[in-house]
Protein backbone atom coordinates (compact mmCIF):
# COMPACT_ATOMS: atom_id res chain seq x y z
CA MET A 1 -41.42 -49.54 52.52
CA ALA A 2 -41.77 -52.49 54.84
CA ASP A 3 -41.22 -50.24 57.82
CA ASP A 4 -43.79 -47.58 56.88
CA LYS A 5 -45.97 -46.47 59.69
CA ILE A 6 -49.54 -45.79 58.52
CA VAL A 7 -52.34 -44.20 60.49
CA ILE A 8 -55.95 -43.54 59.46
CA ALA A 9 -58.40 -41.19 61.06
CA GLN A 10 -61.45 -42.83 62.58
CA GLN A 11 -63.72 -40.66 60.40
CA VAL A 12 -61.98 -41.81 57.21
CA LEU A 13 -62.24 -45.43 58.30
CA ASP A 14 -65.92 -45.02 59.28
CA ASP A 15 -66.65 -43.46 55.85
CA ILE A 16 -65.05 -46.48 54.11
CA LEU A 17 -66.91 -48.93 56.26
CA ASN A 18 -70.18 -47.08 55.52
CA HIS A 19 -69.35 -47.17 51.83
CA ALA A 20 -69.02 -50.95 52.10
CA ALA A 21 -72.30 -51.25 54.01
CA GLN A 22 -74.17 -49.16 51.49
CA SER A 23 -72.74 -51.05 48.52
CA TRP A 24 -73.51 -54.55 49.87
CA PRO A 25 -74.04 -57.07 48.21
CA MET A 26 -71.75 -55.43 45.65
CA GLU A 27 -68.03 -54.70 46.20
CA CYS A 28 -67.28 -51.04 46.89
CA CYS A 29 -63.91 -49.47 46.02
CA GLY A 30 -61.90 -46.36 46.28
CA LEU A 31 -58.47 -44.82 46.81
CA LEU A 32 -56.43 -43.94 49.89
CA ILE A 33 -54.66 -40.53 49.87
CA ALA A 34 -51.68 -39.39 51.98
CA LYS A 35 -49.29 -36.41 51.91
CA ALA A 36 -46.46 -36.88 49.46
CA VAL A 37 -43.14 -37.87 51.02
CA ASP A 38 -40.27 -35.46 50.46
CA ASP A 39 -37.23 -36.94 48.74
CA GLY A 40 -35.18 -36.43 51.89
CA ALA A 41 -37.71 -37.98 54.25
CA PRO A 42 -36.75 -41.20 56.09
CA GLU A 43 -38.17 -44.42 54.66
CA ASN A 44 -40.12 -45.22 57.83
CA CYS A 45 -41.89 -41.93 58.19
CA VAL A 46 -45.50 -41.74 59.45
CA ARG A 47 -47.95 -41.34 56.55
CA PRO A 48 -51.45 -40.52 57.79
CA VAL A 49 -54.23 -41.22 55.32
CA LEU A 50 -55.65 -37.76 54.80
CA ARG A 51 -58.73 -38.83 52.98
CA HIS A 52 -60.25 -41.39 50.71
CA VAL A 53 -61.80 -41.03 47.31
CA PRO A 54 -64.80 -43.34 46.72
CA ALA A 55 -65.10 -44.67 43.17
CA ARG A 56 -67.75 -46.41 41.17
CA ASN A 57 -67.12 -50.12 40.77
CA VAL A 58 -67.11 -50.62 37.00
CA SER A 59 -66.37 -54.36 37.11
CA PRO A 60 -68.54 -56.50 34.81
CA ASP A 61 -69.53 -58.48 37.94
CA PRO A 62 -69.28 -56.22 41.02
CA THR A 63 -70.63 -58.96 43.28
CA ILE A 64 -67.28 -60.85 43.03
CA THR A 65 -64.62 -58.27 42.07
CA PHE A 66 -63.91 -54.60 41.75
CA GLU A 67 -62.54 -52.23 39.15
CA ILE A 68 -62.07 -48.60 40.07
CA ASP A 69 -63.68 -46.22 37.53
CA PRO A 70 -60.83 -45.13 35.27
CA ALA A 71 -62.15 -41.56 35.15
CA VAL A 72 -61.96 -41.29 38.96
CA LEU A 73 -58.47 -42.79 38.93
CA LEU A 74 -57.17 -40.33 36.32
CA ARG A 75 -58.86 -37.32 37.98
CA THR A 76 -57.50 -38.35 41.38
CA HIS A 77 -53.93 -38.74 40.04
CA ARG A 78 -54.08 -35.21 38.69
CA THR A 79 -55.58 -33.76 41.87
CA VAL A 80 -53.20 -35.40 44.31
CA ARG A 81 -50.14 -34.41 42.27
CA ALA A 82 -51.31 -30.75 42.23
CA GLN A 83 -51.93 -30.88 46.00
CA GLY A 84 -48.67 -32.51 47.06
CA GLU A 85 -50.35 -35.83 47.91
CA ASP A 86 -49.97 -39.45 46.87
CA ILE A 87 -52.32 -42.33 46.21
CA ILE A 88 -50.84 -44.85 48.65
CA GLY A 89 -53.41 -47.57 48.34
CA CYS A 90 -56.93 -48.66 47.55
CA TYR A 91 -59.76 -50.10 49.46
CA HIS A 92 -62.57 -52.48 48.53
CA SER A 93 -65.01 -54.72 50.16
CA HIS A 94 -65.69 -58.46 50.11
CA PRO A 95 -69.47 -59.07 50.40
CA ASN A 96 -68.73 -62.57 51.69
CA GLY A 97 -67.44 -61.07 54.93
CA LEU A 98 -63.82 -62.18 54.49
CA THR A 99 -60.88 -59.73 54.86
CA GLU A 100 -58.16 -61.84 53.32
CA PRO A 101 -56.98 -61.02 49.73
CA SER A 102 -58.78 -63.06 47.17
CA ARG A 103 -57.05 -64.83 44.32
CA THR A 104 -58.15 -61.94 42.07
CA ASP A 105 -56.64 -59.46 44.52
CA LEU A 106 -53.37 -61.41 44.53
CA ALA A 107 -53.29 -61.51 40.74
CA ARG A 108 -54.04 -57.81 40.34
CA ALA A 109 -51.67 -56.37 42.99
CA GLU A 110 -48.77 -55.22 40.90
CA GLN A 111 -47.29 -52.18 42.65
CA PRO A 112 -44.86 -52.98 45.52
CA GLY A 113 -45.59 -50.98 48.67
CA PHE A 114 -49.16 -50.22 47.65
CA TYR A 115 -51.68 -50.75 50.49
CA TRP A 116 -54.96 -52.71 50.17
CA LEU A 117 -57.56 -52.05 52.82
CA ILE A 118 -60.15 -54.85 52.60
CA VAL A 119 -63.54 -54.57 54.36
CA GLY A 120 -65.31 -57.80 55.11
CA SER A 121 -68.90 -56.69 54.62
CA SER A 122 -72.00 -58.79 55.03
CA ALA A 123 -75.71 -58.27 55.56
CA VAL A 124 -75.14 -58.05 59.33
CA ASN A 125 -71.56 -56.81 59.84
CA THR A 126 -69.36 -54.26 58.12
CA ARG A 127 -66.94 -53.49 60.92
CA LYS A 128 -64.26 -56.08 59.90
CA TRP A 129 -61.34 -54.77 57.98
CA ALA A 130 -57.68 -55.59 57.37
CA VAL A 131 -54.79 -53.96 55.53
CA TYR A 132 -52.25 -55.71 53.32
CA GLN A 133 -49.23 -54.48 51.45
CA ARG A 134 -47.81 -55.77 48.18
CA MET A 135 -44.23 -56.80 48.77
CA PRO A 136 -41.60 -57.31 46.04
CA ILE A 137 -41.58 -60.81 44.61
CA LEU A 138 -38.18 -62.31 45.42
CA SER A 139 -38.40 -65.37 43.24
CA ASP A 140 -40.82 -67.03 40.87
CA ASP A 141 -42.17 -69.37 43.54
CA ALA A 142 -42.82 -66.51 46.01
CA ALA A 143 -45.90 -65.17 44.14
CA PRO A 144 -48.47 -66.55 46.59
CA ARG A 145 -46.71 -64.88 49.52
CA PHE A 146 -46.31 -61.38 48.24
CA PHE A 147 -48.90 -59.80 50.54
CA ARG A 148 -48.15 -59.08 54.14
CA HIS A 149 -50.66 -58.10 56.76
CA CYS A 150 -50.15 -54.54 58.08
CA HIS A 151 -51.15 -53.06 61.40
CA TRP A 152 -52.56 -49.59 61.06
CA GLN A 153 -53.24 -47.17 63.86
CA VAL A 154 -56.71 -45.64 63.94
CA LEU A 155 -56.81 -42.15 65.38
């Protein structure tokens, strides 16, 4: 998965950035959807993000963390499976304007290969964003280094 090539349509990215702006000073969140990969497809195939699914942030304190509404998550899993798609990642915003994964993000990222698009939103700027991918933990002391920054192409 380290060689995956990911692209995102400008409209999808704009919608996510707008979701972050409208949610500020709370964290927004949602899911990133791509076409499912066939079993015979090469590992480094291009996987365009087809769409995103906004979700309600049901965290007890949405000003500092996010939790995707479980009903949206379950419904989306069912829908994408039926449509030949995959949930390849999630997105959320950081109302402090930072795009690096927080300690909470690092602790919650469990699925290797899953993408995290983080929008650094603030009262004046919501155009900052970065994407990270959870990498397999190679040893017990590697836990703080399991995210790698990804470069996505915006179409």
